[in-house]
Amino acid sequence: MPRESVDSTKTPVTARGERTRAALVAAARTVFERDGFTDSRLTDITAEAGCATGSFYTYFDSKEEILDAVLAAAQEDMLHPGLPHVEAEFSDDPAAVIEASNRAYFEAYRRNAQLMLVREQVAGISPEFREIRRRRGQVFVERNARRIRELQERGLADPDLDPLGAAAALSGMVSRMAYSAFALGDDVDIDDLVFTATRLWVNGIGLRRPA
């Protein structure tokens, strides 16, 4: 079972250790995406990383634990895609910010789509991973709730909405759209996804443009 926090004895203390751990995480992602979780083996991961099996246990206790590390890195990519969400001249337009944020999320999800299938596979058989998945999803919900609350405080969103409830509904909608399009393979153009998700977000929170 994945640890709730990183064991300090497993944290690399040298640059070489950091490189080895990163190589194992990258290799694990390749193997999990190729073979799925249940059919992958630790020896496949260490062979892909080009290191001895003993090196694996220097940093991880189990296959589940390294999957957790892989998923944590993917979540960081999806939560903070590394791209500016909106150009400066549109930063005061909430609808433009929502559109740009949706596009960044869909693009990041597309990069991680195969891994999301692995996540669903493991969450289906492991109560521990289901809880981890729930908590990680809550990070997106809470971030979006803060944005809705800010818009309400500016008088730009429906003041009667519960920000957390609205964020949960809208975030779940966008996540499902991404899963269907990129993980399950629905034939939907990303521009159409962005347009639909943005229109539903804007309407869903009763967004009004700034005066």
C-alpha atoms as a PDB file:
ATOM      1  CA  MET A   1       0.000   0.000   0.000  1.00  0.00           C
ATOM      2  CA  PRO A   2       1.358   3.501  -0.800  1.00  0.00           C
ATOM      3  CA  ARG A   3       2.644   5.456   2.168  1.00  0.00           C
ATOM      4  CA  GLU A   4       0.763   8.579   3.203  1.00  0.00           C
ATOM      5  CA  SER A   5       4.047  10.488   3.361  1.00  0.00           C
ATOM      6  CA  VAL A   6       7.530   9.892   2.011  1.00  0.00           C
ATOM      7  CA  ASP A   7       9.807   7.886   4.289  1.00  0.00           C
ATOM      8  CA  SER A   8      12.955   9.966   4.787  1.00  0.00           C
ATOM      9  CA  THR A   9      15.079   6.807   4.578  1.00  0.00           C
ATOM     10  CA  LYS A  10      13.826   6.336   1.008  1.00  0.00           C
ATOM     11  CA  THR A  11      14.510   9.886  -0.130  1.00  0.00           C
ATOM     12  CA  PRO A  12      17.604  10.149  -2.366  1.00  0.00           C
ATOM     13  CA  VAL A  13      20.420  12.093  -0.729  1.00  0.00           C
ATOM     14  CA  THR A  14      22.730  12.338  -3.751  1.00  0.00           C
ATOM     15  CA  ALA A  15      22.343  13.553  -7.311  1.00  0.00           C
ATOM     16  CA  ARG A  16      22.994  10.022  -8.519  1.00  0.00           C
ATOM     17  CA  GLY A  17      20.247   8.749  -6.248  1.00  0.00           C
ATOM     18  CA  GLU A  18      17.850  11.347  -7.611  1.00  0.00           C
ATOM     19  CA  ARG A  19      18.664  10.241 -11.161  1.00  0.00           C
ATOM     20  CA  THR A  20      18.147   6.578 -10.296  1.00  0.00           C
ATOM     21  CA  ARG A  21      14.810   7.223  -8.632  1.00  0.00           C
ATOM     22  CA  ALA A  22      13.656   9.393 -11.546  1.00  0.00           C
ATOM     23  CA  ALA A  23      14.705   6.663 -13.983  1.00  0.00           C
ATOM     24  CA  LEU A  24      12.694   4.092 -12.034  1.00  0.00           C
ATOM     25  CA  VAL A  25       9.595   6.314 -12.012  1.00  0.00           C
ATOM     26  CA  ALA A  26       9.909   6.975 -15.760  1.00  0.00           C
ATOM     27  CA  ALA A  27      10.443   3.274 -16.425  1.00  0.00           C
ATOM     28  CA  ALA A  28       7.460   2.343 -14.280  1.00  0.00           C
ATOM     29  CA  ARG A  29       5.248   4.682 -16.251  1.00  0.00           C
ATOM     30  CA  THR A  30       6.393   3.079 -19.524  1.00  0.00           C
ATOM     31  CA  VAL A  31       5.763  -0.441 -18.211  1.00  0.00           C
ATOM     32  CA  PHE A  32       2.393   0.366 -16.627  1.00  0.00           C
ATOM     33  CA  GLU A  33       1.149   2.079 -19.787  1.00  0.00           C
ATOM     34  CA  ARG A  34       2.393  -0.801 -21.936  1.00  0.00           C
ATOM     35  CA  ASP A  35       1.354  -3.794 -19.821  1.00  0.00           C
ATOM     36  CA  GLY A  36      -1.207  -2.473 -17.362  1.00  0.00           C
ATOM     37  CA  PHE A  37      -0.731  -2.698 -13.623  1.00  0.00           C
ATOM     38  CA  THR A  38      -1.642  -6.308 -12.928  1.00  0.00           C
ATOM     39  CA  ASP A  39       0.521  -7.750 -15.714  1.00  0.00           C
ATOM     40  CA  SER A  40       3.602  -5.639 -15.013  1.00  0.00           C
ATOM     41  CA  ARG A  41       6.483  -6.931 -12.870  1.00  0.00           C
ATOM     42  CA  LEU A  42       9.153  -5.220 -10.838  1.00  0.00           C
ATOM     43  CA  THR A  43      11.794  -6.882 -12.987  1.00  0.00           C
ATOM     44  CA  ASP A  44      10.209  -5.267 -16.059  1.00  0.00           C
ATOM     45  CA  ILE A  45      10.537  -1.872 -14.386  1.00  0.00           C
ATOM     46  CA  THR A  46      14.158  -2.307 -13.325  1.00  0.00           C
ATOM     47  CA  ALA A  47      15.079  -3.686 -16.759  1.00  0.00           C
ATOM     48  CA  GLU A  48      13.438  -0.684 -18.427  1.00  0.00           C
ATOM     49  CA  ALA A  49      15.341   1.633 -16.045  1.00  0.00           C
ATOM     50  CA  GLY A  50      18.616  -0.213 -16.625  1.00  0.00           C
ATOM     51  CA  CYS A  51      19.303  -0.852 -12.957  1.00  0.00           C
ATOM     52  CA  ALA A  52      19.482  -3.789 -10.577  1.00  0.00           C
ATOM     53  CA  THR A  53      16.388  -5.055  -8.793  1.00  0.00           C
ATOM     54  CA  GLY A  54      18.004  -4.202  -5.473  1.00  0.00           C
ATOM     55  CA  SER A  55      18.078  -0.552  -6.489  1.00  0.00           C
ATOM     56  CA  PHE A  56      14.290  -0.558  -6.650  1.00  0.00           C
ATOM     57  CA  TYR A  57      13.991  -1.334  -2.947  1.00  0.00           C
ATOM     58  CA  THR A  58      16.333   1.512  -2.125  1.00  0.00           C
ATOM     59  CA  TYR A  59      13.527   3.911  -3.067  1.00  0.00           C
ATOM     60  CA  PHE A  60      10.254   1.952  -3.119  1.00  0.00           C
ATOM     61  CA  ASP A  61       8.704  -0.876  -1.135  1.00  0.00           C
ATOM     62  CA  SER A  62       6.309  -2.216  -3.745  1.00  0.00           C
ATOM     63  CA  LYS A  63       4.815  -1.921  -7.209  1.00  0.00           C
ATOM     64  CA  GLU A  64       1.868  -0.060  -5.682  1.00  0.00           C
ATOM     65  CA  GLU A  65       4.183   2.498  -4.168  1.00  0.00           C
ATOM     66  CA  ILE A  66       5.972   3.324  -7.395  1.00  0.00           C
ATOM     67  CA  LEU A  67       2.611   3.586  -9.168  1.00  0.00           C
ATOM     68  CA  ASP A  68       1.658   6.187  -6.573  1.00  0.00           C
ATOM     69  CA  ALA A  69       4.821   8.126  -7.442  1.00  0.00           C
ATOM     70  CA  VAL A  70       3.998   7.922 -11.156  1.00  0.00           C
ATOM     71  CA  LEU A  71       0.450   9.157 -10.556  1.00  0.00           C
ATOM     72  CA  ALA A  72       1.660  11.988  -8.320  1.00  0.00           C
ATOM     73  CA  ALA A  73       3.889  13.262 -11.134  1.00  0.00           C
ATOM     74  CA  ALA A  74       1.000  13.018 -13.610  1.00  0.00           C
ATOM     75  CA  GLN A  75      -1.290  14.955 -11.277  1.00  0.00           C
ATOM     76  CA  GLU A  76       1.273  17.739 -11.038  1.00  0.00           C
ATOM     77  CA  ASP A  77       1.338  17.922 -14.840  1.00  0.00           C
ATOM     78  CA  MET A  78      -2.456  18.071 -14.995  1.00  0.00           C
ATOM     79  CA  LEU A  79      -2.853  20.550 -12.138  1.00  0.00           C
ATOM     80  CA  HIS A  80      -0.025  22.821 -13.308  1.00  0.00           C
ATOM     81  CA  PRO A  81       0.514  22.058 -17.021  1.00  0.00           C
ATOM     82  CA  GLY A  82       3.476  24.413 -17.287  1.00  0.00           C
ATOM     83  CA  LEU A  83       1.773  26.600 -19.869  1.00  0.00           C
ATOM     84  CA  PRO A  84       0.411  30.130 -19.379  1.00  0.00           C
ATOM     85  CA  HIS A  85      -3.351  29.674 -19.098  1.00  0.00           C
ATOM     86  CA  VAL A  86      -4.221  32.980 -20.694  1.00  0.00           C
ATOM     87  CA  GLU A  87      -2.427  35.860 -22.317  1.00  0.00           C
ATOM     88  CA  ALA A  88      -2.051  39.012 -20.251  1.00  0.00           C
ATOM     89  CA  GLU A  89      -4.484  41.108 -22.297  1.00  0.00           C
ATOM     90  CA  PHE A  90      -7.299  38.640 -21.538  1.00  0.00           C
ATOM     91  CA  SER A  91      -6.484  38.065 -17.872  1.00  0.00           C
ATOM     92  CA  ASP A  92      -9.384  40.283 -16.726  1.00  0.00           C
ATOM     93  CA  ASP A  93     -11.890  38.247 -18.766  1.00  0.00           C
ATOM     94  CA  PRO A  94     -13.042  35.328 -16.553  1.00  0.00           C
ATOM     95  CA  ALA A  95     -14.525  33.449 -19.511  1.00  0.00           C
ATOM     96  CA  ALA A  96     -11.180  33.601 -21.333  1.00  0.00           C
ATOM     97  CA  VAL A  97      -9.413  32.314 -18.225  1.00  0.00           C
ATOM     98  CA  ILE A  98     -11.885  29.425 -17.928  1.00  0.00           C
ATOM     99  CA  GLU A  99     -11.444  28.580 -21.602  1.00  0.00           C
ATOM    100  CA  ALA A 100      -7.656  28.642 -21.396  1.00  0.00           C
ATOM    101  CA  SER A 101      -7.683  26.566 -18.203  1.00  0.00           C
ATOM    102  CA  ASN A 102      -9.962  23.974 -19.788  1.00  0.00           C
ATOM    103  CA  ARG A 103      -7.701  23.744 -22.818  1.00  0.00           C
ATOM    104  CA  ALA A 104      -4.606  23.304 -20.647  1.00  0.00           C
ATOM    105  CA  TYR A 105      -6.374  20.551 -18.674  1.00  0.00           C
ATOM    106  CA  PHE A 106      -7.531  18.687 -21.787  1.00  0.00           C
ATOM    107  CA  GLU A 107      -4.070  18.870 -23.327  1.00  0.00           C
ATOM    108  CA  ALA A 108      -2.466  17.600 -20.114  1.00  0.00           C
ATOM    109  CA  TYR A 109      -5.055  14.826 -19.834  1.00  0.00           C
ATOM    110  CA  ARG A 110      -4.312  13.763 -23.415  1.00  0.00           C
ATOM    111  CA  ARG A 111      -0.620  13.473 -22.498  1.00  0.00           C
ATOM    112  CA  ASN A 112      -1.541  11.255 -19.551  1.00  0.00           C
ATOM    113  CA  ALA A 113      -4.519   9.378 -20.987  1.00  0.00           C
ATOM    114  CA  GLN A 114      -2.973   5.909 -20.998  1.00  0.00           C
ATOM    115  CA  LEU A 115      -1.896   6.346 -17.406  1.00  0.00           C
ATOM    116  CA  MET A 116      -5.435   7.380 -16.457  1.00  0.00           C
ATOM    117  CA  LEU A 117      -6.636   3.990 -17.694  1.00  0.00           C
ATOM    118  CA  VAL A 118      -4.117   2.336 -15.383  1.00  0.00           C
ATOM    119  CA  ARG A 119      -5.331   4.514 -12.506  1.00  0.00           C
ATOM    120  CA  GLU A 120      -8.921   3.398 -13.070  1.00  0.00           C
ATOM    121  CA  GLN A 121      -7.820  -0.232 -13.268  1.00  0.00           C
ATOM    122  CA  VAL A 122      -6.089  -0.070  -9.906  1.00  0.00           C
ATOM    123  CA  ALA A 123      -8.783   2.030  -8.230  1.00  0.00           C
ATOM    124  CA  GLY A 124     -11.269  -0.659  -9.214  1.00  0.00           C
ATOM    125  CA  ILE A 125      -9.438  -3.354  -7.247  1.00  0.00           C
ATOM    126  CA  SER A 126      -7.785  -1.426  -4.424  1.00  0.00           C
ATOM    127  CA  PRO A 127      -9.723   0.474  -1.740  1.00  0.00           C
ATOM    128  CA  GLU A 128      -6.514   2.283  -0.787  1.00  0.00           C
ATOM    129  CA  PHE A 129      -6.041   3.605  -4.308  1.00  0.00           C
ATOM    130  CA  ARG A 130      -9.703   4.563  -4.537  1.00  0.00           C
ATOM    131  CA  GLU A 131      -9.197   6.776  -1.509  1.00  0.00           C
ATOM    132  CA  ILE A 132      -6.012   8.238  -2.986  1.00  0.00           C
ATOM    133  CA  ARG A 133      -7.870   8.895  -6.245  1.00  0.00           C
ATOM    134  CA  ARG A 134     -10.683  10.607  -4.336  1.00  0.00           C
ATOM    135  CA  ARG A 135      -8.276  12.845  -2.423  1.00  0.00           C
ATOM    136  CA  ARG A 136      -6.353  13.809  -5.554  1.00  0.00           C
ATOM    137  CA  GLY A 137      -9.577  14.653  -7.339  1.00  0.00           C
ATOM    138  CA  GLN A 138     -10.531  16.821  -4.392  1.00  0.00           C
ATOM    139  CA  VAL A 139      -7.443  18.967  -5.007  1.00  0.00           C
ATOM    140  CA  PHE A 140      -8.896  20.000  -8.395  1.00  0.00           C
ATOM    141  CA  VAL A 141     -12.316  20.603  -6.865  1.00  0.00           C
ATOM    142  CA  GLU A 142     -10.963  22.811  -4.083  1.00  0.00           C
ATOM    143  CA  ARG A 143      -8.866  24.836  -6.523  1.00  0.00           C
ATOM    144  CA  ASN A 144     -11.882  25.454  -8.742  1.00  0.00           C
ATOM    145  CA  ALA A 145     -14.061  26.273  -5.719  1.00  0.00           C
ATOM    146  CA  ARG A 146     -11.614  29.030  -4.780  1.00  0.00           C
ATOM    147  CA  ARG A 147     -11.950  30.501  -8.271  1.00  0.00           C
ATOM    148  CA  ILE A 148     -15.749  30.414  -8.114  1.00  0.00           C
ATOM    149  CA  ARG A 149     -15.693  32.042  -4.690  1.00  0.00           C
ATOM    150  CA  GLU A 150     -13.423  34.808  -5.996  1.00  0.00           C
ATOM    151  CA  LEU A 151     -15.812  35.472  -8.890  1.00  0.00           C
ATOM    152  CA  GLN A 152     -18.745  35.605  -6.471  1.00  0.00           C
ATOM    153  CA  GLU A 153     -16.884  38.133  -4.335  1.00  0.00           C
ATOM    154  CA  ARG A 154     -16.365  40.266  -7.454  1.00  0.00           C
ATOM    155  CA  GLY A 155     -20.083  40.073  -8.258  1.00  0.00           C
ATOM    156  CA  LEU A 156     -19.427  38.067 -11.435  1.00  0.00           C
ATOM    157  CA  ALA A 157     -20.922  34.662 -10.509  1.00  0.00           C
ATOM    158  CA  ASP A 158     -24.220  33.447  -9.091  1.00  0.00           C
ATOM    159  CA  PRO A 159     -24.017  34.311  -5.389  1.00  0.00           C
ATOM    160  CA  ASP A 160     -26.471  31.549  -4.419  1.00  0.00           C
ATOM    161  CA  LEU A 161     -24.178  28.751  -5.605  1.00  0.00           C
ATOM    162  CA  ASP A 162     -22.250  26.684  -3.102  1.00  0.00           C
ATOM    163  CA  PRO A 163     -18.714  27.065  -4.539  1.00  0.00           C
ATOM    164  CA  LEU A 164     -17.582  23.597  -3.458  1.00  0.00           C
ATOM    165  CA  GLY A 165     -20.681  21.842  -4.771  1.00  0.00           C
ATOM    166  CA  ALA A 166     -20.561  23.718  -8.069  1.00  0.00           C
ATOM    167  CA  ALA A 167     -16.846  23.008  -8.444  1.00  0.00           C
ATOM    168  CA  ALA A 168     -17.389  19.300  -7.758  1.00  0.00           C
ATOM    169  CA  ALA A 169     -20.108  19.077 -10.412  1.00  0.00           C
ATOM    170  CA  LEU A 170     -18.255  21.057 -13.057  1.00  0.00           C
ATOM    171  CA  SER A 171     -14.867  19.467 -12.398  1.00  0.00           C
ATOM    172  CA  GLY A 172     -16.433  16.014 -12.581  1.00  0.00           C
ATOM    173  CA  MET A 173     -18.047  16.923 -15.888  1.00  0.00           C
ATOM    174  CA  VAL A 174     -14.774  18.100 -17.443  1.00  0.00           C
ATOM    175  CA  SER A 175     -12.868  15.102 -16.087  1.00  0.00           C
ATOM    176  CA  ARG A 176     -15.414  12.694 -17.560  1.00  0.00           C
ATOM    177  CA  MET A 177     -15.309  14.488 -20.914  1.00  0.00           C
ATOM    178  CA  ALA A 178     -11.529  14.117 -20.951  1.00  0.00           C
ATOM    179  CA  TYR A 179     -11.678  10.444 -19.923  1.00  0.00           C
ATOM    180  CA  SER A 180     -14.190   9.593 -22.650  1.00  0.00           C
ATOM    181  CA  ALA A 181     -12.297  11.492 -25.334  1.00  0.00           C
ATOM    182  CA  PHE A 182      -8.705  10.571 -24.584  1.00  0.00           C
ATOM    183  CA  ALA A 183      -8.749   7.395 -22.498  1.00  0.00           C
ATOM    184  CA  LEU A 184     -11.760   5.606 -24.005  1.00  0.00           C
ATOM    185  CA  GLY A 185     -11.142   7.033 -27.471  1.00  0.00           C
ATOM    186  CA  ASP A 186     -14.357   8.906 -28.302  1.00  0.00           C
ATOM    187  CA  ASP A 187     -13.930  10.764 -31.576  1.00  0.00           C
ATOM    188  CA  VAL A 188     -14.172  14.337 -30.304  1.00  0.00           C
ATOM    189  CA  ASP A 189     -12.068  17.275 -31.460  1.00  0.00           C
ATOM    190  CA  ILE A 190     -10.266  19.068 -28.623  1.00  0.00           C
ATOM    191  CA  ASP A 191     -11.537  22.459 -29.816  1.00  0.00           C
ATOM    192  CA  ASP A 192     -15.111  21.144 -29.529  1.00  0.00           C
ATOM    193  CA  LEU A 193     -14.350  19.833 -26.045  1.00  0.00           C
ATOM    194  CA  VAL A 194     -12.958  23.185 -24.967  1.00  0.00           C
ATOM    195  CA  PHE A 195     -15.918  25.098 -26.382  1.00  0.00           C
ATOM    196  CA  THR A 196     -18.530  22.827 -24.779  1.00  0.00           C
ATOM    197  CA  ALA A 197     -16.804  22.629 -21.398  1.00  0.00           C
ATOM    198  CA  THR A 198     -16.305  26.391 -21.283  1.00  0.00           C
ATOM    199  CA  ARG A 199     -19.884  27.195 -22.280  1.00  0.00           C
ATOM    200  CA  LEU A 200     -21.216  24.812 -19.607  1.00  0.00           C
ATOM    201  CA  TRP A 201     -18.839  26.256 -16.991  1.00  0.00           C
ATOM    202  CA  VAL A 202     -19.836  29.846 -17.823  1.00  0.00           C
ATOM    203  CA  ASN A 203     -23.549  29.034 -17.792  1.00  0.00           C
ATOM    204  CA  GLY A 204     -23.240  26.780 -14.770  1.00  0.00           C
ATOM    205  CA  ILE A 205     -21.849  29.496 -12.510  1.00  0.00           C
ATOM    206  CA  GLY A 206     -23.965  32.284 -14.014  1.00  0.00           C
ATOM    207  CA  LEU A 207     -20.853  34.136 -15.093  1.00  0.00           C
ATOM    208  CA  ARG A 208     -21.175  37.801 -15.961  1.00  0.00           C
ATOM    209  CA  ARG A 209     -18.480  39.733 -17.763  1.00  0.00           C
ATOM    210  CA  PRO A 210     -16.813  42.569 -15.852  1.00  0.00           C
ATOM    211  CA  ALA A 211     -18.256  46.007 -16.598  1.00  0.00           C
END
